[in-house]
């Protein structure tokens, strides 16, 4: 009986120029993927069907995805093979093959062998907001008029003449909201362009986990010591505001 091709498990391969190796940082944590080197080309295999159509794959430049059929590699939807599979590759798990290193001078760049800029991009995933950054001048009167019980369970600190509130539920004040990821505070609606960089950034810039890293959309961040937060109350706000005026 002939094999039902609709039930056949698809095996995916891919190739990428070695010059574009840095971009593989976005899929480095896919531990099922295998990687091999062939002169000026990087070969990859063992993608799942979900990974083969994922946004992480689609955003890789010069990335060619194939389906393996009877020893030949076919581009998506192609009836004629593009090339025959070579068998002399030395395969290694991608997370072991790609060693990320950090340059010593610029905190906004790091990469695999060269530098990759840390960027944030809009995200379709909804995340609950846990922090709020507000202009002190805009929320001064609101703080004074807010009942005590609504200020409870919220910590706060001054960051560049603005008030950063941390806690849930968030205060109903005007400002910019943030969500929590691996010790980072990211603007709501944004995530790292390469999602697996989150934990790597923490290991590099917040090894003791004693800070929050507050990010801007342009890829810059402000480190904030967790111990500098204080409980929010009308009195703590007044005292801090007075201290700011004396400075």
C-alpha atoms as a PDB file:
ATOM      1  CA  UNK A   1       0.000   0.000   0.000  1.00  0.00           C
ATOM      2  CA  UNK A   2       1.312   3.442  -0.921  1.00  0.00           C
ATOM      3  CA  UNK A   3       2.355   5.747   1.909  1.00  0.00           C
ATOM      4  CA  UNK A   4      -0.137   8.468   2.833  1.00  0.00           C
ATOM      5  CA  UNK A   5       1.968  11.595   2.368  1.00  0.00           C
ATOM      6  CA  UNK A   6      -0.445  13.663   4.476  1.00  0.00           C
ATOM      7  CA  UNK A   7       0.510  11.592   7.523  1.00  0.00           C
ATOM      8  CA  UNK A   8       4.241  11.602   6.858  1.00  0.00           C
ATOM      9  CA  UNK A   9       6.269  13.450   9.494  1.00  0.00           C
ATOM     10  CA  UNK A  10       7.985  16.318   7.750  1.00  0.00           C
ATOM     11  CA  UNK A  11      11.717  16.855   8.269  1.00  0.00           C
ATOM     12  CA  UNK A  12      12.918  20.406   7.802  1.00  0.00           C
ATOM     13  CA  UNK A  13      16.405  21.623   6.902  1.00  0.00           C
ATOM     14  CA  UNK A  14      17.641  25.164   6.368  1.00  0.00           C
ATOM     15  CA  UNK A  15      20.680  27.070   5.222  1.00  0.00           C
ATOM     16  CA  UNK A  16      22.002  30.497   6.086  1.00  0.00           C
ATOM     17  CA  UNK A  17      25.141  32.381   4.966  1.00  0.00           C
ATOM     18  CA  UNK A  18      27.799  32.353   7.671  1.00  0.00           C
ATOM     19  CA  UNK A  19      27.927  36.144   7.396  1.00  0.00           C
ATOM     20  CA  UNK A  20      24.421  36.220   8.926  1.00  0.00           C
ATOM     21  CA  UNK A  21      25.290  33.971  11.870  1.00  0.00           C
ATOM     22  CA  UNK A  22      24.503  36.663  14.453  1.00  0.00           C
ATOM     23  CA  UNK A  23      20.815  36.576  13.569  1.00  0.00           C
ATOM     24  CA  UNK A  24      20.557  33.001  14.847  1.00  0.00           C
ATOM     25  CA  UNK A  25      20.521  34.399  18.367  1.00  0.00           C
ATOM     26  CA  UNK A  26      16.725  34.572  18.087  1.00  0.00           C
ATOM     27  CA  UNK A  27      16.450  30.764  17.881  1.00  0.00           C
ATOM     28  CA  UNK A  28      19.462  29.768  19.968  1.00  0.00           C
ATOM     29  CA  UNK A  29      17.234  28.388  22.740  1.00  0.00           C
ATOM     30  CA  UNK A  30      15.555  25.867  20.379  1.00  0.00           C
ATOM     31  CA  UNK A  31      17.557  22.966  21.752  1.00  0.00           C
ATOM     32  CA  UNK A  32      16.055  20.447  19.321  1.00  0.00           C
ATOM     33  CA  UNK A  33      17.652  22.201  16.335  1.00  0.00           C
ATOM     34  CA  UNK A  34      20.988  20.850  15.061  1.00  0.00           C
ATOM     35  CA  UNK A  35      23.609  22.971  13.290  1.00  0.00           C
ATOM     36  CA  UNK A  36      26.592  22.215  11.026  1.00  0.00           C
ATOM     37  CA  UNK A  37      29.103  24.315   9.085  1.00  0.00           C
ATOM     38  CA  UNK A  38      29.949  23.964   5.392  1.00  0.00           C
ATOM     39  CA  UNK A  39      32.464  26.528   4.107  1.00  0.00           C
ATOM     40  CA  UNK A  40      30.399  29.756   3.754  1.00  0.00           C
ATOM     41  CA  UNK A  41      27.052  28.169   4.699  1.00  0.00           C
ATOM     42  CA  UNK A  42      25.441  27.247   8.019  1.00  0.00           C
ATOM     43  CA  UNK A  43      23.131  24.224   7.857  1.00  0.00           C
ATOM     44  CA  UNK A  44      20.330  23.561  10.327  1.00  0.00           C
ATOM     45  CA  UNK A  45      17.867  20.705  10.732  1.00  0.00           C
ATOM     46  CA  UNK A  46      15.258  19.085  13.008  1.00  0.00           C
ATOM     47  CA  UNK A  47      12.852  22.036  13.166  1.00  0.00           C
ATOM     48  CA  UNK A  48       9.339  21.221  14.304  1.00  0.00           C
ATOM     49  CA  UNK A  49       6.474  22.189  12.005  1.00  0.00           C
ATOM     50  CA  UNK A  50       5.530  24.988  14.424  1.00  0.00           C
ATOM     51  CA  UNK A  51       9.077  26.354  14.423  1.00  0.00           C
ATOM     52  CA  UNK A  52       9.263  26.196  10.623  1.00  0.00           C
ATOM     53  CA  UNK A  53       6.448  28.782  10.310  1.00  0.00           C
ATOM     54  CA  UNK A  54       7.257  30.845  13.405  1.00  0.00           C
ATOM     55  CA  UNK A  55       7.928  34.628  13.359  1.00  0.00           C
ATOM     56  CA  UNK A  56      11.463  33.961  14.601  1.00  0.00           C
ATOM     57  CA  UNK A  57      12.181  32.008  11.402  1.00  0.00           C
ATOM     58  CA  UNK A  58      10.395  34.416   9.084  1.00  0.00           C
ATOM     59  CA  UNK A  59      12.435  37.413  10.261  1.00  0.00           C
ATOM     60  CA  UNK A  60      15.825  35.782   9.581  1.00  0.00           C
ATOM     61  CA  UNK A  61      17.493  37.361   6.518  1.00  0.00           C
ATOM     62  CA  UNK A  62      18.776  35.126   3.697  1.00  0.00           C
ATOM     63  CA  UNK A  63      17.311  32.092   5.464  1.00  0.00           C
ATOM     64  CA  UNK A  64      16.306  29.228   3.127  1.00  0.00           C
ATOM     65  CA  UNK A  65      13.993  26.564   4.534  1.00  0.00           C
ATOM     66  CA  UNK A  66      13.695  23.131   2.915  1.00  0.00           C
ATOM     67  CA  UNK A  67      11.682  19.980   3.390  1.00  0.00           C
ATOM     68  CA  UNK A  68      13.668  16.756   3.221  1.00  0.00           C
ATOM     69  CA  UNK A  69      12.124  14.088   0.944  1.00  0.00           C
ATOM     70  CA  UNK A  70      13.940  10.875   0.044  1.00  0.00           C
ATOM     71  CA  UNK A  71      17.372  12.435   0.270  1.00  0.00           C
ATOM     72  CA  UNK A  72      16.507  15.647  -1.569  1.00  0.00           C
ATOM     73  CA  UNK A  73      15.766  19.154  -0.303  1.00  0.00           C
ATOM     74  CA  UNK A  74      12.637  20.888  -1.610  1.00  0.00           C
ATOM     75  CA  UNK A  75      11.718  24.556  -1.110  1.00  0.00           C
ATOM     76  CA  UNK A  76       8.226  25.154   0.239  1.00  0.00           C
ATOM     77  CA  UNK A  77       5.608  24.202  -2.353  1.00  0.00           C
ATOM     78  CA  UNK A  78       8.205  23.112  -4.908  1.00  0.00           C
ATOM     79  CA  UNK A  79       7.731  19.970  -6.999  1.00  0.00           C
ATOM     80  CA  UNK A  80      11.376  19.840  -8.097  1.00  0.00           C
ATOM     81  CA  UNK A  81      14.195  19.479  -5.531  1.00  0.00           C
ATOM     82  CA  UNK A  82      16.718  22.272  -5.063  1.00  0.00           C
ATOM     83  CA  UNK A  83      19.627  20.057  -4.108  1.00  0.00           C
ATOM     84  CA  UNK A  84      20.648  16.669  -2.789  1.00  0.00           C
ATOM     85  CA  UNK A  85      21.440  16.196   0.874  1.00  0.00           C
ATOM     86  CA  UNK A  86      25.082  15.900   1.858  1.00  0.00           C
ATOM     87  CA  UNK A  87      25.858  13.378   4.587  1.00  0.00           C
ATOM     88  CA  UNK A  88      29.313  14.379   5.791  1.00  0.00           C
ATOM     89  CA  UNK A  89      28.216  17.083   8.236  1.00  0.00           C
ATOM     90  CA  UNK A  90      29.195  17.166  11.905  1.00  0.00           C
ATOM     91  CA  UNK A  91      25.994  18.146  13.724  1.00  0.00           C
ATOM     92  CA  UNK A  92      25.836  19.946  17.070  1.00  0.00           C
ATOM     93  CA  UNK A  93      22.909  21.249  19.117  1.00  0.00           C
ATOM     94  CA  UNK A  94      22.432  24.931  18.290  1.00  0.00           C
ATOM     95  CA  UNK A  95      22.550  26.142  21.905  1.00  0.00           C
ATOM     96  CA  UNK A  96      25.973  24.513  22.297  1.00  0.00           C
ATOM     97  CA  UNK A  97      27.366  25.616  18.948  1.00  0.00           C
ATOM     98  CA  UNK A  98      26.517  29.308  19.288  1.00  0.00           C
ATOM     99  CA  UNK A  99      28.505  30.814  22.138  1.00  0.00           C
ATOM    100  CA  UNK A 100      27.258  34.268  22.995  1.00  0.00           C
ATOM    101  CA  UNK A 101      29.913  36.751  24.138  1.00  0.00           C
ATOM    102  CA  UNK A 102      29.615  40.268  25.481  1.00  0.00           C
ATOM    103  CA  UNK A 103      31.897  43.121  24.374  1.00  0.00           C
ATOM    104  CA  UNK A 104      33.471  44.993  27.325  1.00  0.00           C
ATOM    105  CA  UNK A 105      32.693  48.577  26.355  1.00  0.00           C
ATOM    106  CA  UNK A 106      29.175  49.118  25.049  1.00  0.00           C
ATOM    107  CA  UNK A 107      26.261  47.927  27.169  1.00  0.00           C
ATOM    108  CA  UNK A 108      23.834  48.124  24.253  1.00  0.00           C
ATOM    109  CA  UNK A 109      25.641  45.601  22.026  1.00  0.00           C
ATOM    110  CA  UNK A 110      26.570  41.923  22.149  1.00  0.00           C
ATOM    111  CA  UNK A 111      26.501  38.954  19.838  1.00  0.00           C
ATOM    112  CA  UNK A 112      27.764  35.570  18.820  1.00  0.00           C
ATOM    113  CA  UNK A 113      31.040  36.384  17.112  1.00  0.00           C
ATOM    114  CA  UNK A 114      30.245  40.006  16.294  1.00  0.00           C
ATOM    115  CA  UNK A 115      27.972  42.644  17.845  1.00  0.00           C
ATOM    116  CA  UNK A 116      24.170  42.668  17.719  1.00  0.00           C
ATOM    117  CA  UNK A 117      22.267  45.727  18.892  1.00  0.00           C
ATOM    118  CA  UNK A 118      19.732  45.172  21.640  1.00  0.00           C
ATOM    119  CA  UNK A 119      16.362  46.238  20.257  1.00  0.00           C
ATOM    120  CA  UNK A 120      12.793  46.187  21.462  1.00  0.00           C
ATOM    121  CA  UNK A 121       9.954  45.520  19.048  1.00  0.00           C
ATOM    122  CA  UNK A 122       6.140  45.634  19.281  1.00  0.00           C
ATOM    123  CA  UNK A 123       4.680  42.386  20.591  1.00  0.00           C
ATOM    124  CA  UNK A 124       1.279  40.844  19.916  1.00  0.00           C
ATOM    125  CA  UNK A 125       1.317  39.030  23.276  1.00  0.00           C
ATOM    126  CA  UNK A 126      -0.634  40.764  26.026  1.00  0.00           C
ATOM    127  CA  UNK A 127       1.166  41.014  29.369  1.00  0.00           C
ATOM    128  CA  UNK A 128      -0.193  42.392  32.658  1.00  0.00           C
ATOM    129  CA  UNK A 129       1.257  45.777  33.602  1.00  0.00           C
ATOM    130  CA  UNK A 130       3.036  45.824  36.979  1.00  0.00           C
ATOM    131  CA  UNK A 131       4.764  49.230  36.944  1.00  0.00           C
ATOM    132  CA  UNK A 132       3.867  52.810  36.089  1.00  0.00           C
ATOM    133  CA  UNK A 133       6.184  55.739  35.320  1.00  0.00           C
ATOM    134  CA  UNK A 134       4.511  59.116  35.857  1.00  0.00           C
ATOM    135  CA  UNK A 135       5.507  62.750  35.808  1.00  0.00           C
ATOM    136  CA  UNK A 136       5.597  63.995  39.409  1.00  0.00           C
ATOM    137  CA  UNK A 137       4.078  67.327  38.452  1.00  0.00           C
ATOM    138  CA  UNK A 138       1.121  65.568  36.800  1.00  0.00           C
ATOM    139  CA  UNK A 139       0.297  63.207  39.675  1.00  0.00           C
ATOM    140  CA  UNK A 140       1.149  65.379  42.713  1.00  0.00           C
ATOM    141  CA  UNK A 141      -2.447  66.465  43.374  1.00  0.00           C
ATOM    142  CA  UNK A 142      -3.764  62.970  42.577  1.00  0.00           C
ATOM    143  CA  UNK A 143      -1.515  61.432  45.232  1.00  0.00           C
ATOM    144  CA  UNK A 144      -2.800  63.840  47.847  1.00  0.00           C
ATOM    145  CA  UNK A 145      -6.418  63.073  46.961  1.00  0.00           C
ATOM    146  CA  UNK A 146      -6.082  59.283  46.791  1.00  0.00           C
ATOM    147  CA  UNK A 147      -7.441  57.314  49.781  1.00  0.00           C
ATOM    148  CA  UNK A 148      -4.787  55.590  51.899  1.00  0.00           C
ATOM    149  CA  UNK A 149      -6.012  52.062  51.153  1.00  0.00           C
ATOM    150  CA  UNK A 150      -5.505  52.597  47.397  1.00  0.00           C
ATOM    151  CA  UNK A 151      -1.850  53.477  47.960  1.00  0.00           C
ATOM    152  CA  UNK A 152      -1.158  50.297  49.918  1.00  0.00           C
ATOM    153  CA  UNK A 153       0.748  47.403  48.314  1.00  0.00           C
ATOM    154  CA  UNK A 154       2.570  49.857  46.046  1.00  0.00           C
ATOM    155  CA  UNK A 155       6.274  50.701  46.220  1.00  0.00           C
ATOM    156  CA  UNK A 156       7.806  53.677  44.496  1.00  0.00           C
ATOM    157  CA  UNK A 157      11.016  55.521  43.640  1.00  0.00           C
ATOM    158  CA  UNK A 158      12.028  58.671  41.768  1.00  0.00           C
ATOM    159  CA  UNK A 159      13.686  58.109  38.384  1.00  0.00           C
ATOM    160  CA  UNK A 160      14.882  61.212  36.537  1.00  0.00           C
ATOM    161  CA  UNK A 161      12.248  63.513  38.066  1.00  0.00           C
ATOM    162  CA  UNK A 162       9.521  60.948  37.484  1.00  0.00           C
ATOM    163  CA  UNK A 163       7.820  58.565  39.898  1.00  0.00           C
ATOM    164  CA  UNK A 164       8.054  54.848  39.218  1.00  0.00           C
ATOM    165  CA  UNK A 165       5.292  52.885  40.937  1.00  0.00           C
ATOM    166  CA  UNK A 166       5.576  49.119  41.349  1.00  0.00           C
ATOM    167  CA  UNK A 167       2.674  46.909  42.411  1.00  0.00           C
ATOM    168  CA  UNK A 168      -0.750  45.610  41.472  1.00  0.00           C
ATOM    169  CA  UNK A 169      -3.347  46.760  40.950  1.00  0.00           C
ATOM    170  CA  UNK A 170      -1.716  49.766  39.301  1.00  0.00           C
ATOM    171  CA  UNK A 171      -2.729  53.230  40.365  1.00  0.00           C
ATOM    172  CA  UNK A 172      -5.088  54.985  37.950  1.00  0.00           C
ATOM    173  CA  UNK A 173      -2.591  57.747  37.202  1.00  0.00           C
ATOM    174  CA  UNK A 174      -1.437  59.049  33.809  1.00  0.00           C
ATOM    175  CA  UNK A 175       1.892  57.666  32.696  1.00  0.00           C
ATOM    176  CA  UNK A 176       3.714  54.865  30.942  1.00  0.00           C
ATOM    177  CA  UNK A 177       3.153  51.251  31.960  1.00  0.00           C
ATOM    178  CA  UNK A 178       5.614  48.342  32.081  1.00  0.00           C
ATOM    179  CA  UNK A 179       5.462  44.560  32.359  1.00  0.00           C
ATOM    180  CA  UNK A 180       7.818  42.170  34.087  1.00  0.00           C
ATOM    181  CA  UNK A 181      10.160  39.708  32.340  1.00  0.00           C
ATOM    182  CA  UNK A 182      13.133  37.966  33.969  1.00  0.00           C
ATOM    183  CA  UNK A 183      13.987  40.962  36.138  1.00  0.00           C
ATOM    184  CA  UNK A 184      13.373  43.466  33.327  1.00  0.00           C
ATOM    185  CA  UNK A 185      10.663  46.113  33.256  1.00  0.00           C
ATOM    186  CA  UNK A 186       9.666  46.416  29.595  1.00  0.00           C
ATOM    187  CA  UNK A 187       7.214  48.938  28.116  1.00  0.00           C
ATOM    188  CA  UNK A 188       3.834  47.268  27.697  1.00  0.00           C
ATOM    189  CA  UNK A 189       3.309  46.146  24.125  1.00  0.00           C
ATOM    190  CA  UNK A 190       7.043  45.597  23.561  1.00  0.00           C
ATOM    191  CA  UNK A 191       9.478  42.709  23.928  1.00  0.00           C
ATOM    192  CA  UNK A 192      13.116  42.049  23.049  1.00  0.00           C
ATOM    193  CA  UNK A 193      13.663  41.498  19.339  1.00  0.00           C
ATOM    194  CA  UNK A 194      15.557  38.316  20.245  1.00  0.00           C
ATOM    195  CA  UNK A 195      13.540  36.903  23.128  1.00  0.00           C
ATOM    196  CA  UNK A 196      16.247  34.594  24.434  1.00  0.00           C
ATOM    197  CA  UNK A 197      18.461  37.617  25.193  1.00  0.00           C
ATOM    198  CA  UNK A 198      16.396  38.378  28.292  1.00  0.00           C
ATOM    199  CA  UNK A 199      18.181  35.979  30.649  1.00  0.00           C
ATOM    200  CA  UNK A 200      21.576  36.715  29.061  1.00  0.00           C
ATOM    201  CA  UNK A 201      21.193  40.419  29.761  1.00  0.00           C
ATOM    202  CA  UNK A 202      20.356  39.640  33.366  1.00  0.00           C
ATOM    203  CA  UNK A 203      23.458  37.501  33.777  1.00  0.00           C
ATOM    204  CA  UNK A 204      25.615  40.256  32.316  1.00  0.00           C
ATOM    205  CA  UNK A 205      24.172  43.379  33.921  1.00  0.00           C
ATOM    206  CA  UNK A 206      22.259  42.133  36.955  1.00  0.00           C
ATOM    207  CA  UNK A 207      24.102  39.051  38.158  1.00  0.00           C
ATOM    208  CA  UNK A 208      23.103  39.593  41.792  1.00  0.00           C
ATOM    209  CA  UNK A 209      19.432  40.164  40.833  1.00  0.00           C
ATOM    210  CA  UNK A 210      19.376  43.193  43.130  1.00  0.00           C
ATOM    211  CA  UNK A 211      18.157  45.615  40.464  1.00  0.00           C
ATOM    212  CA  UNK A 212      15.283  46.222  38.096  1.00  0.00           C
ATOM    213  CA  UNK A 213      16.374  47.013  34.550  1.00  0.00           C
ATOM    214  CA  UNK A 214      13.945  49.649  33.255  1.00  0.00           C
ATOM    215  CA  UNK A 215      13.946  49.659  29.440  1.00  0.00           C
ATOM    216  CA  UNK A 216      13.080  52.287  26.829  1.00  0.00           C
ATOM    217  CA  UNK A 217      11.769  51.438  23.374  1.00  0.00           C
ATOM    218  CA  UNK A 218      15.089  52.539  21.830  1.00  0.00           C
ATOM    219  CA  UNK A 219      17.007  49.722  23.554  1.00  0.00           C
ATOM    220  CA  UNK A 220      18.541  51.744  26.402  1.00  0.00           C
ATOM    221  CA  UNK A 221      17.873  50.971  30.050  1.00  0.00           C
ATOM    222  CA  UNK A 222      18.168  52.417  33.563  1.00  0.00           C
ATOM    223  CA  UNK A 223      19.293  50.121  36.431  1.00  0.00           C
ATOM    224  CA  UNK A 224      17.299  50.673  39.637  1.00  0.00           C
ATOM    225  CA  UNK A 225      18.301  49.201  42.995  1.00  0.00           C
ATOM    226  CA  UNK A 226      15.443  47.213  44.485  1.00  0.00           C
ATOM    227  CA  UNK A 227      16.396  48.295  48.017  1.00  0.00           C
ATOM    228  CA  UNK A 228      15.838  51.955  47.112  1.00  0.00           C
ATOM    229  CA  UNK A 229      12.088  51.470  46.713  1.00  0.00           C
ATOM    230  CA  UNK A 230       9.881  52.598  49.588  1.00  0.00           C
ATOM    231  CA  UNK A 231       6.261  52.013  50.493  1.00  0.00           C
ATOM    232  CA  UNK A 232       3.952  54.562  48.930  1.00  0.00           C
ATOM    233  CA  UNK A 233       2.028  56.905  51.183  1.00  0.00           C
ATOM    234  CA  UNK A 234       1.096  60.574  51.180  1.00  0.00           C
ATOM    235  CA  UNK A 235       3.745  61.282  53.813  1.00  0.00           C
ATOM    236  CA  UNK A 236       6.542  59.445  51.957  1.00  0.00           C
ATOM    237  CA  UNK A 237       5.626  61.310  48.785  1.00  0.00           C
ATOM    238  CA  UNK A 238       5.707  64.690  50.572  1.00  0.00           C
ATOM    239  CA  UNK A 239       9.052  63.978  52.252  1.00  0.00           C
ATOM    240  CA  UNK A 240      10.637  62.809  49.006  1.00  0.00           C
ATOM    241  CA  UNK A 241       9.279  65.802  47.118  1.00  0.00           C
ATOM    242  CA  UNK A 242      10.745  68.155  49.737  1.00  0.00           C
ATOM    243  CA  UNK A 243      14.093  66.392  49.568  1.00  0.00           C
ATOM    244  CA  UNK A 244      14.085  66.820  45.783  1.00  0.00           C
ATOM    245  CA  UNK A 245      13.433  70.567  46.161  1.00  0.00           C
ATOM    246  CA  UNK A 246      16.413  70.944  48.527  1.00  0.00           C
ATOM    247  CA  UNK A 247      18.789  69.149  46.153  1.00  0.00           C
END
